[in-house]
Amino acid sequence: MILKPEKINDLSSDRKKNIMKRSMEDISSIYDDTRKIVEDVRDNGDAVALTHYKKHKEDISSTDLEVTREEIEQAYKEVDPQVVDCLKKAAENIIKFHTAQKEREMWSIEITDGILAGRITRPMDIVGCYIPGGRAVYPSSILMTVLPAKVAGVKNVVAVTVPGKGMKANPATLVAADITQCDRVFKVGGPWGVAGLAYGTETMPRVDKIVGPGNKYVTAAKMVVYGQVDIDSPAGPSESLILADESGNVDLITVDFLSQVEHDPDSAAVLVTTDEKLAKDVCDKINKEFETLPRKEIFESSLTKHSYVMIAEDMQQALDFTNEYAAEHLQILTKDPFITLNSIKHAGSIFMGPFAPVPVGDYASGTNHVLPTGQCARMFSGLSVDDFIKKPTFQYLSKEGLAGLTSSPQQFRS
């Protein structure tokens, strides 16, 4: 049996701690090696990436590191027109949603007679977007990172992605980059790409912020350069929690559960429900479906290491568990998901009702899929327009306003 239900009340403290920990990546073992790569790029520029990518092209030169217009045009010939149309539609939805996030550019209030204070919003000058391209291809990550920056008003948005044989970037990624009007794309991945963006090289510009998902080496590199540039939240393997009551549909929950764990051997899926029968039925169906699944080694690793079906004694206990878990993706499958939503404190992105599976947010509904993992939803939010703007404050004082501050020194004493 791959999966069996457990009662929250029966969990030992160690067992619960392990569930909450899931697959949080420990980068300590690779941090020093990653730091050396980053420092090498800082000190030696393009030469470091060129040496690394000789495995893809023996006579590589700096001109091979940046995507050309000809490569983008060729990419359109290689990508199914239906995929292109889907990417364009997703881009429209993402732009619409993120445009709604924009704040007014300036506001001010009168603090007291003669003192006006306020705040302005200003976009960053240049940002870099990391686009994964190893085990799987994620052209949607281009949409999710570049478009919010463009909506925020960033004038120069560049991207880096992992190249393949012959220093060729994935065609779908290049098409997505063109749809977003990404200013430049570089075929440099891993710590080499992160370091190139953080410090600049002969070919790559230095940016103010680096965003986007990646593996543990990318995460480690982002942690190394943090302070030199800003970064988004640290990201680990994908995770999802399904919160359901007795109204949950066994078949839909099973599909949603399995669609999460196919991502990666370290992906995590959790079902928390108040209905013991539902929990047992879902486990039975998952165990049955497992026998016919492709990529069984990935499913088995994720299901046995980081996935659970939990039974709560009541909805309050289920909610407490859900908020403590602070999932990257949270699905609410209750009779009234909007009522349940009022009790949710910590989650990256929330999917409500039986017809809002996680993949819609990953690709096309308009919300962002660059989200905090590993309980980081307690203090981080998903990528948004806010990540690409700064908010300086200002004050204007009249002569009388300044005099008013200096004439009453007692007010500043405790």
Protein backbone atom coordinates (compact mmCIF):
# COMPACT_ATOMS: atom_id res chain seq x y z
CA MET A 1 0.00 0.00 0.00
CA ILE A 2 1.47 3.34 -1.11
CA LEU A 3 -0.82 5.65 0.88
CA LYS A 4 -3.06 5.26 3.93
CA PRO A 5 -5.02 7.82 5.97
CA GLU A 6 -3.82 9.09 9.34
CA LYS A 7 -5.64 10.98 12.09
CA ILE A 8 -4.17 14.31 13.08
CA ASN A 9 -4.88 13.47 16.73
CA ASP A 10 -2.68 10.37 16.45
CA LEU A 11 0.40 12.15 15.10
CA SER A 12 3.49 12.20 17.28
CA SER A 13 5.34 15.51 17.50
CA ASP A 14 8.15 14.08 15.36
CA ARG A 15 5.74 12.76 12.75
CA LYS A 16 3.96 16.10 12.50
CA LYS A 17 7.28 17.94 12.30
CA ASN A 18 8.32 15.71 9.41
CA ILE A 19 5.04 16.38 7.56
CA MET A 20 5.48 20.12 7.98
CA LYS A 21 9.10 19.94 6.86
CA ARG A 22 8.21 18.03 3.66
CA SER A 23 10.99 18.36 1.08
CA MET A 24 12.52 21.63 2.21
CA GLU A 25 15.85 21.67 0.41
CA ASP A 26 19.01 21.67 2.48
CA ILE A 27 21.48 23.66 0.40
CA SER A 28 24.25 23.54 3.00
CA SER A 29 26.02 20.64 1.26
CA ILE A 30 26.23 22.53 -2.05
CA TYR A 31 26.50 26.09 -0.78
CA ASP A 32 30.30 26.33 -0.76
CA ASP A 33 30.68 24.83 -4.23
CA THR A 34 27.95 27.11 -5.58
CA ARG A 35 29.57 30.14 -3.95
CA LYS A 36 32.87 29.30 -5.71
CA ILE A 37 31.10 29.24 -9.09
CA VAL A 38 29.39 32.56 -8.36
CA GLU A 39 32.66 34.18 -7.29
CA ASP A 40 34.40 32.79 -10.38
CA VAL A 41 31.79 34.40 -12.64
CA ARG A 42 32.09 37.65 -10.66
CA ASP A 43 35.85 37.70 -11.19
CA ASN A 44 36.15 36.21 -14.70
CA GLY A 45 32.87 36.97 -16.49
CA ASP A 46 31.81 35.15 -19.66
CA ALA A 47 34.83 32.85 -19.65
CA VAL A 48 33.39 30.76 -16.83
CA ALA A 49 30.12 30.03 -18.64
CA LEU A 50 31.96 29.40 -21.89
CA THR A 51 34.15 26.79 -20.23
CA HIS A 52 31.10 25.14 -18.65
CA TYR A 53 29.14 24.99 -21.91
CA LYS A 54 31.89 23.54 -24.08
CA LYS A 55 30.01 20.31 -23.42
CA HIS A 56 27.28 21.65 -25.72
CA LYS A 57 29.44 23.33 -28.34
CA GLU A 58 33.20 22.87 -28.72
CA ASP A 59 33.89 26.14 -30.54
CA ILE A 60 31.65 28.23 -28.25
CA SER A 61 32.12 32.00 -28.03
CA SER A 62 30.43 34.88 -26.20
CA THR A 63 28.09 35.41 -29.16
CA ASP A 64 26.56 32.00 -28.42
CA LEU A 65 25.36 33.14 -24.99
CA GLU A 66 22.61 35.50 -26.14
CA VAL A 67 19.53 34.51 -28.13
CA THR A 68 19.32 36.15 -31.53
CA ARG A 69 16.28 37.32 -33.47
CA GLU A 70 16.92 34.55 -35.97
CA GLU A 71 16.67 31.95 -33.21
CA ILE A 72 13.33 33.36 -32.10
CA GLU A 73 11.95 33.30 -35.64
CA GLN A 74 13.12 29.70 -36.01
CA ALA A 75 11.44 28.84 -32.70
CA TYR A 76 8.05 29.96 -34.07
CA LYS A 77 8.48 27.45 -36.90
CA GLU A 78 9.10 24.63 -34.39
CA VAL A 79 6.27 25.33 -31.94
CA ASP A 80 2.72 24.15 -32.63
CA PRO A 81 0.56 27.20 -33.56
CA GLN A 82 -2.02 26.06 -31.00
CA VAL A 83 0.62 26.30 -28.29
CA VAL A 84 1.48 29.80 -29.48
CA ASP A 85 -2.20 30.78 -29.27
CA CYS A 86 -2.47 29.32 -25.76
CA LEU A 87 0.58 31.25 -24.62
CA LYS A 88 -0.88 34.47 -26.02
CA LYS A 89 -4.20 33.88 -24.26
CA ALA A 90 -2.44 33.11 -20.99
CA ALA A 91 -0.39 36.29 -21.41
CA GLU A 92 -3.57 38.34 -21.81
CA ASN A 93 -5.00 36.93 -18.57
CA ILE A 94 -1.76 37.44 -16.66
CA ILE A 95 -1.49 41.05 -17.83
CA LYS A 96 -5.10 41.76 -16.86
CA PHE A 97 -4.72 40.28 -13.37
CA HIS A 98 -1.40 41.97 -12.63
CA THR A 99 -2.56 45.34 -13.99
CA ALA A 100 -5.24 45.28 -11.27
CA GLN A 101 -2.45 45.09 -8.67
CA LYS A 102 -0.97 48.45 -9.58
CA GLU A 103 -1.19 51.14 -6.92
CA ARG A 104 -1.64 54.86 -7.45
CA GLU A 105 1.73 56.45 -8.18
CA MET A 106 1.55 58.95 -5.35
CA TRP A 107 -0.44 59.70 -2.22
CA SER A 108 0.03 62.20 0.58
CA ILE A 109 -1.60 63.31 3.81
CA GLU A 110 -1.33 66.38 6.00
CA ILE A 111 0.32 65.19 9.19
CA THR A 112 -0.28 68.52 10.93
CA ASP A 113 -0.35 72.18 9.91
CA GLY A 114 2.52 72.78 7.52
CA ILE A 115 3.67 69.14 7.25
CA LEU A 116 2.78 67.10 4.17
CA ALA A 117 4.01 63.48 3.93
CA GLY A 118 3.41 60.80 1.39
CA ARG A 119 4.74 57.98 -0.74
CA ILE A 120 5.53 57.46 -4.41
CA THR A 121 5.94 54.23 -6.39
CA ARG A 122 8.80 53.77 -8.82
CA PRO A 123 9.68 50.68 -10.89
CA MET A 124 13.12 49.11 -10.78
CA ASP A 125 15.41 49.90 -13.70
CA ILE A 126 16.38 46.36 -14.72
CA VAL A 127 15.43 42.89 -13.48
CA GLY A 128 16.44 39.36 -14.39
CA CYS A 129 14.14 36.34 -14.69
CA TYR A 130 15.38 32.78 -14.21
CA ILE A 131 13.61 30.25 -16.46
CA PRO A 132 14.11 26.53 -15.65
CA GLY A 133 14.94 24.17 -18.47
CA GLY A 134 16.41 20.98 -17.09
CA ARG A 135 14.14 17.99 -16.35
CA ALA A 136 11.11 19.81 -17.77
CA VAL A 137 10.41 22.91 -19.84
CA TYR A 138 8.42 25.81 -18.40
CA PRO A 139 7.60 28.48 -21.00
CA SER A 140 4.86 29.62 -18.62
CA SER A 141 7.59 30.78 -16.22
CA ILE A 142 8.58 33.40 -18.79
CA LEU A 143 5.03 34.74 -18.75
CA MET A 144 4.83 34.67 -14.95
CA THR A 145 8.07 36.56 -14.36
CA VAL A 146 8.50 38.94 -17.29
CA LEU A 147 4.91 40.18 -17.58
CA PRO A 148 4.49 41.40 -13.96
CA ALA A 149 7.76 43.29 -14.32
CA LYS A 150 6.58 44.85 -17.57
CA VAL A 151 3.23 45.78 -16.01
CA ALA A 152 5.10 47.37 -13.08
CA GLY A 153 6.92 49.60 -15.57
CA VAL A 154 10.39 48.01 -15.55
CA LYS A 155 12.03 49.25 -18.74
CA ASN A 156 14.63 46.51 -19.11
CA VAL A 157 13.68 42.90 -18.40
CA VAL A 158 16.13 40.12 -19.25
CA ALA A 159 15.94 36.36 -18.84
CA VAL A 160 18.33 33.44 -18.49
CA THR A 161 17.56 29.83 -19.31
CA VAL A 162 19.37 26.51 -19.57
CA PRO A 163 20.66 25.69 -23.08
CA GLY A 164 20.81 22.25 -24.66
CA LYS A 165 23.05 20.62 -27.21
CA GLY A 166 24.48 23.09 -29.69
CA MET A 167 23.66 25.94 -27.29
CA LYS A 168 20.06 25.85 -28.41
CA ALA A 169 17.35 27.17 -26.09
CA ASN A 170 13.95 25.51 -25.92
CA PRO A 171 11.76 26.86 -28.76
CA ALA A 172 8.62 27.22 -26.60
CA THR A 173 10.59 29.26 -24.07
CA LEU A 174 11.82 31.58 -26.83
CA VAL A 175 8.31 32.02 -28.24
CA ALA A 176 6.99 32.86 -24.77
CA ALA A 177 9.82 35.36 -24.30
CA ASP A 178 8.91 37.04 -27.56
CA ILE A 179 5.24 37.24 -26.59
CA THR A 180 6.18 39.02 -23.37
CA GLN A 181 8.52 41.38 -25.22
CA CYS A 182 11.38 40.31 -22.97
CA ASP A 183 14.26 42.60 -23.87
CA ARG A 184 17.09 40.04 -23.93
CA VAL A 185 17.41 36.29 -23.35
CA PHE A 186 20.66 34.57 -22.39
CA LYS A 187 21.42 30.86 -22.70
CA VAL A 188 23.13 30.56 -19.35
CA GLY A 189 21.55 28.49 -16.58
CA GLY A 190 22.24 27.38 -13.01
CA PRO A 191 24.63 29.34 -10.77
CA TRP A 192 26.37 30.70 -13.89
CA GLY A 193 23.18 32.45 -15.00
CA VAL A 194 22.34 33.78 -11.53
CA ALA A 195 25.89 35.10 -11.03
CA GLY A 196 25.94 36.66 -14.48
CA LEU A 197 22.78 38.60 -13.69
CA ALA A 198 23.97 39.60 -10.23
CA TYR A 199 27.40 40.92 -11.22
CA GLY A 200 27.20 41.45 -14.96
CA THR A 201 29.66 40.10 -17.52
CA GLU A 202 31.00 41.21 -20.88
CA THR A 203 27.74 39.94 -22.39
CA MET A 204 25.16 39.97 -19.60
CA PRO A 205 23.91 43.13 -17.87
CA ARG A 206 23.90 43.55 -14.11
CA VAL A 207 20.34 43.60 -12.74
CA ASP A 208 18.68 44.95 -9.59
CA LYS A 209 16.62 41.85 -8.79
CA ILE A 210 16.49 38.17 -9.79
CA VAL A 211 13.20 36.26 -9.74
CA GLY A 212 11.97 32.89 -10.91
CA PRO A 213 12.00 29.22 -9.86
CA GLY A 214 14.93 26.83 -10.15
CA ASN A 215 16.61 23.79 -8.60
CA LYS A 216 18.60 23.77 -5.37
CA TYR A 217 21.72 25.06 -7.13
CA VAL A 218 19.78 28.06 -8.42
CA THR A 219 18.35 28.64 -4.94
CA ALA A 220 21.82 28.43 -3.40
CA ALA A 221 23.21 30.86 -5.96
CA LYS A 222 20.39 33.32 -5.28
CA MET A 223 21.14 33.12 -1.58
CA VAL A 224 24.83 33.80 -2.28
CA VAL A 225 24.12 36.96 -4.31
CA TYR A 226 21.34 38.26 -2.05
CA GLY A 227 22.40 41.71 -0.91
CA GLN A 228 24.26 42.32 -4.13
CA VAL A 229 20.82 42.11 -5.74
CA ASP A 230 17.35 41.53 -4.39
CA ILE A 231 15.71 38.12 -4.93
CA ASP A 232 12.23 36.68 -4.60
CA SER A 233 11.48 34.06 -1.93
CA PRO A 234 13.60 30.88 -1.78
CA ALA A 235 11.84 28.12 -3.72
CA GLY A 236 11.86 24.36 -3.29
CA PRO A 237 9.97 21.47 -4.92
CA SER A 238 6.30 21.98 -5.72
CA GLU A 239 3.69 21.28 -3.05
CA SER A 240 -0.09 21.31 -2.68
CA LEU A 241 -2.62 20.85 0.11
CA ILE A 242 -6.26 19.94 -0.50
CA LEU A 243 -8.72 20.96 2.23
CA ALA A 244 -12.02 19.07 1.88
CA ASP A 245 -15.19 18.31 3.81
CA GLU A 246 -17.73 15.58 3.10
CA SER A 247 -18.78 17.35 -0.12
CA GLY A 248 -15.44 16.52 -1.76
CA ASN A 249 -15.47 14.40 -4.90
CA VAL A 250 -13.21 11.34 -4.63
CA ASP A 251 -12.38 11.17 -8.34
CA LEU A 252 -11.48 14.87 -8.64
CA ILE A 253 -9.42 14.85 -5.46
CA THR A 254 -7.52 11.80 -6.67
CA VAL A 255 -6.70 13.45 -9.99
CA ASP A 256 -5.64 16.67 -8.27
CA PHE A 257 -3.50 14.75 -5.79
CA LEU A 258 -1.72 12.72 -8.46
CA SER A 259 -1.24 15.71 -10.76
CA GLN A 260 0.78 17.32 -7.97
CA VAL A 261 3.10 14.42 -7.23
CA GLU A 262 4.07 13.84 -10.87
CA HIS A 263 6.15 17.04 -10.86
CA ASP A 264 9.24 15.80 -9.11
CA PRO A 265 10.41 13.00 -6.80
CA ASP A 266 10.42 15.54 -3.97
CA SER A 267 7.00 17.07 -4.67
CA ALA A 268 4.50 17.03 -1.81
CA ALA A 269 0.73 16.50 -1.82
CA VAL A 270 -1.51 16.51 1.27
CA LEU A 271 -5.23 15.95 1.71
CA VAL A 272 -6.79 17.21 4.95
CA THR A 273 -10.43 16.28 5.44
CA THR A 274 -13.05 16.00 8.15
CA ASP A 275 -14.62 12.99 6.41
CA GLU A 276 -12.95 9.67 7.31
CA LYS A 277 -14.74 7.81 4.51
CA LEU A 278 -13.55 10.33 1.94
CA ALA A 279 -9.97 9.93 3.20
CA LYS A 280 -10.11 6.14 2.90
CA ASP A 281 -11.75 6.23 -0.52
CA VAL A 282 -9.13 8.63 -1.88
CA CYS A 283 -6.30 6.43 -0.56
CA ASP A 284 -7.89 3.34 -2.09
CA LYS A 285 -8.25 5.03 -5.46
CA ILE A 286 -4.71 6.42 -5.43
CA ASN A 287 -3.29 3.00 -4.54
CA LYS A 288 -5.28 1.45 -7.37
CA GLU A 289 -4.32 4.13 -9.92
CA PHE A 290 -0.66 3.87 -8.96
CA GLU A 291 -0.36 0.48 -10.65
CA THR A 292 -1.11 1.98 -14.06
CA LEU A 293 0.83 5.24 -13.79
CA PRO A 294 3.75 6.17 -16.08
CA ARG A 295 6.99 7.55 -14.55
CA LYS A 296 6.24 5.33 -11.57
CA GLU A 297 9.58 6.03 -9.87
CA ILE A 298 8.69 9.74 -9.55
CA PHE A 299 5.20 9.02 -8.24
CA GLU A 300 6.43 6.45 -5.75
CA SER A 301 9.12 8.73 -4.35
CA SER A 302 6.76 11.66 -3.89
CA LEU A 303 3.88 9.57 -2.52
CA THR A 304 5.97 7.71 0.02
CA LYS A 305 8.27 10.50 1.19
CA HIS A 306 6.25 13.70 1.28
CA SER A 307 2.54 12.99 0.67
CA TYR A 308 -0.17 12.35 3.26
CA VAL A 309 -3.91 11.95 3.76
CA MET A 310 -4.94 13.43 7.10
CA ILE A 311 -8.24 13.07 8.99
CA ALA A 312 -9.28 16.01 11.21
CA GLU A 313 -11.78 15.68 14.03
CA ASP A 314 -13.53 18.88 12.89
CA MET A 315 -13.10 21.76 10.44
CA GLN A 316 -11.29 23.95 12.97
CA GLN A 317 -8.58 21.33 13.41
CA ALA A 318 -8.38 20.98 9.63
CA LEU A 319 -7.98 24.73 9.27
CA ASP A 320 -5.34 24.89 11.99
CA PHE A 321 -3.35 22.16 10.24
CA THR A 322 -3.78 23.90 6.88
CA ASN A 323 -2.53 27.24 8.19
CA GLU A 324 0.43 25.64 9.92
CA TYR A 325 1.38 23.77 6.72
CA ALA A 326 1.25 27.09 4.77
CA ALA A 327 1.14 25.41 1.36
CA GLU A 328 2.42 26.77 -1.91
CA HIS A 329 -0.87 25.71 -3.52
CA LEU A 330 -4.06 25.35 -1.47
CA GLN A 331 -7.25 23.82 -2.87
CA ILE A 332 -10.48 24.44 -0.96
CA LEU A 333 -13.09 21.79 -1.68
CA THR A 334 -15.78 22.56 0.87
CA LYS A 335 -19.51 23.28 0.61
CA ASP A 336 -18.89 27.02 0.72
CA PRO A 337 -15.26 27.76 -0.20
CA PHE A 338 -15.73 31.51 0.25
CA ILE A 339 -16.69 31.00 3.90
CA THR A 340 -13.67 28.72 4.34
CA LEU A 341 -11.44 31.32 2.68
CA ASN A 342 -12.09 33.72 5.57
CA SER A 343 -10.18 31.37 7.89
CA ILE A 344 -7.12 30.91 5.68
CA LYS A 345 -4.06 32.84 6.88
CA HIS A 346 -1.11 31.26 5.09
CA ALA A 347 -0.99 30.02 1.48
CA GLY A 348 0.81 30.93 -1.71
CA SER A 349 -2.12 30.65 -4.14
CA ILE A 350 -5.64 29.45 -3.34
CA PHE A 351 -7.85 27.41 -5.68
CA MET A 352 -11.53 27.37 -4.75
CA GLY A 353 -14.16 24.85 -5.74
CA PRO A 354 -14.08 21.61 -7.74
CA PHE A 355 -13.44 23.34 -11.07
CA ALA A 356 -10.26 25.23 -10.09
CA PRO A 357 -7.43 22.67 -10.24
CA VAL A 358 -3.90 23.87 -9.54
CA PRO A 359 -2.71 23.73 -13.19
CA VAL A 360 -5.06 26.58 -14.17
CA GLY A 361 -3.08 28.89 -11.89
CA ASP A 362 0.18 27.45 -13.10
CA TYR A 363 -0.63 28.40 -16.66
CA ALA A 364 -3.58 30.48 -17.70
CA SER A 365 -6.05 31.88 -15.14
CA GLY A 366 -3.96 35.02 -14.66
CA THR A 367 -2.58 34.54 -11.14
CA ASN A 368 1.13 33.95 -10.67
CA HIS A 369 2.77 30.55 -10.25
CA VAL A 370 6.04 31.78 -8.73
CA LEU A 371 5.09 30.99 -5.13
CA PRO A 372 6.68 30.44 -1.71
CA THR A 373 7.29 26.82 -0.66
CA GLY A 374 8.38 25.04 2.51
CA GLN A 375 6.10 27.03 4.89
CA CYS A 376 7.50 30.29 3.52
CA ALA A 377 3.91 31.37 2.78
CA ARG A 378 3.90 32.41 6.43
CA MET A 379 5.99 35.45 5.47
CA PHE A 380 6.22 35.60 1.66
CA SER A 381 3.64 36.14 -1.07
CA GLY A 382 3.59 34.96 -4.65
CA LEU A 383 5.34 37.04 -7.29
CA SER A 384 3.42 40.20 -8.15
CA VAL A 385 3.78 43.75 -9.44
CA ASP A 386 4.86 44.73 -5.92
CA ASP A 387 8.09 42.76 -6.38
CA PHE A 388 9.26 45.14 -9.07
CA ILE A 389 8.53 48.52 -7.54
CA LYS A 390 10.08 50.64 -4.78
CA LYS A 391 8.11 52.97 -2.54
CA PRO A 392 10.12 56.02 -1.43
CA THR A 393 8.49 58.32 1.11
CA PHE A 394 8.60 62.11 0.94
CA GLN A 395 7.79 65.08 3.13
CA TYR A 396 7.28 68.78 2.54
CA LEU A 397 7.40 71.25 5.42
CA SER A 398 6.47 74.88 5.41
CA LYS A 399 8.38 77.32 7.60
CA GLU A 400 5.54 77.18 10.08
CA GLY A 401 5.47 73.36 9.96
CA LEU A 402 9.18 73.17 10.80
CA ALA A 403 8.77 75.72 13.57
CA GLY A 404 5.95 73.64 14.97
CA LEU A 405 8.31 70.68 15.37
CA THR A 406 11.08 72.67 17.04
CA SER A 407 8.92 74.68 19.42
CA SER A 408 7.62 71.70 21.40
CA PRO A 409 10.60 69.50 22.31
CA GLN A 410 8.67 67.88 25.15
CA GLN A 411 6.54 65.93 22.67
CA PHE A 412 9.55 63.83 21.64
CA ARG A 413 10.43 62.78 25.19
CA SER A 414 9.04 59.62 26.72
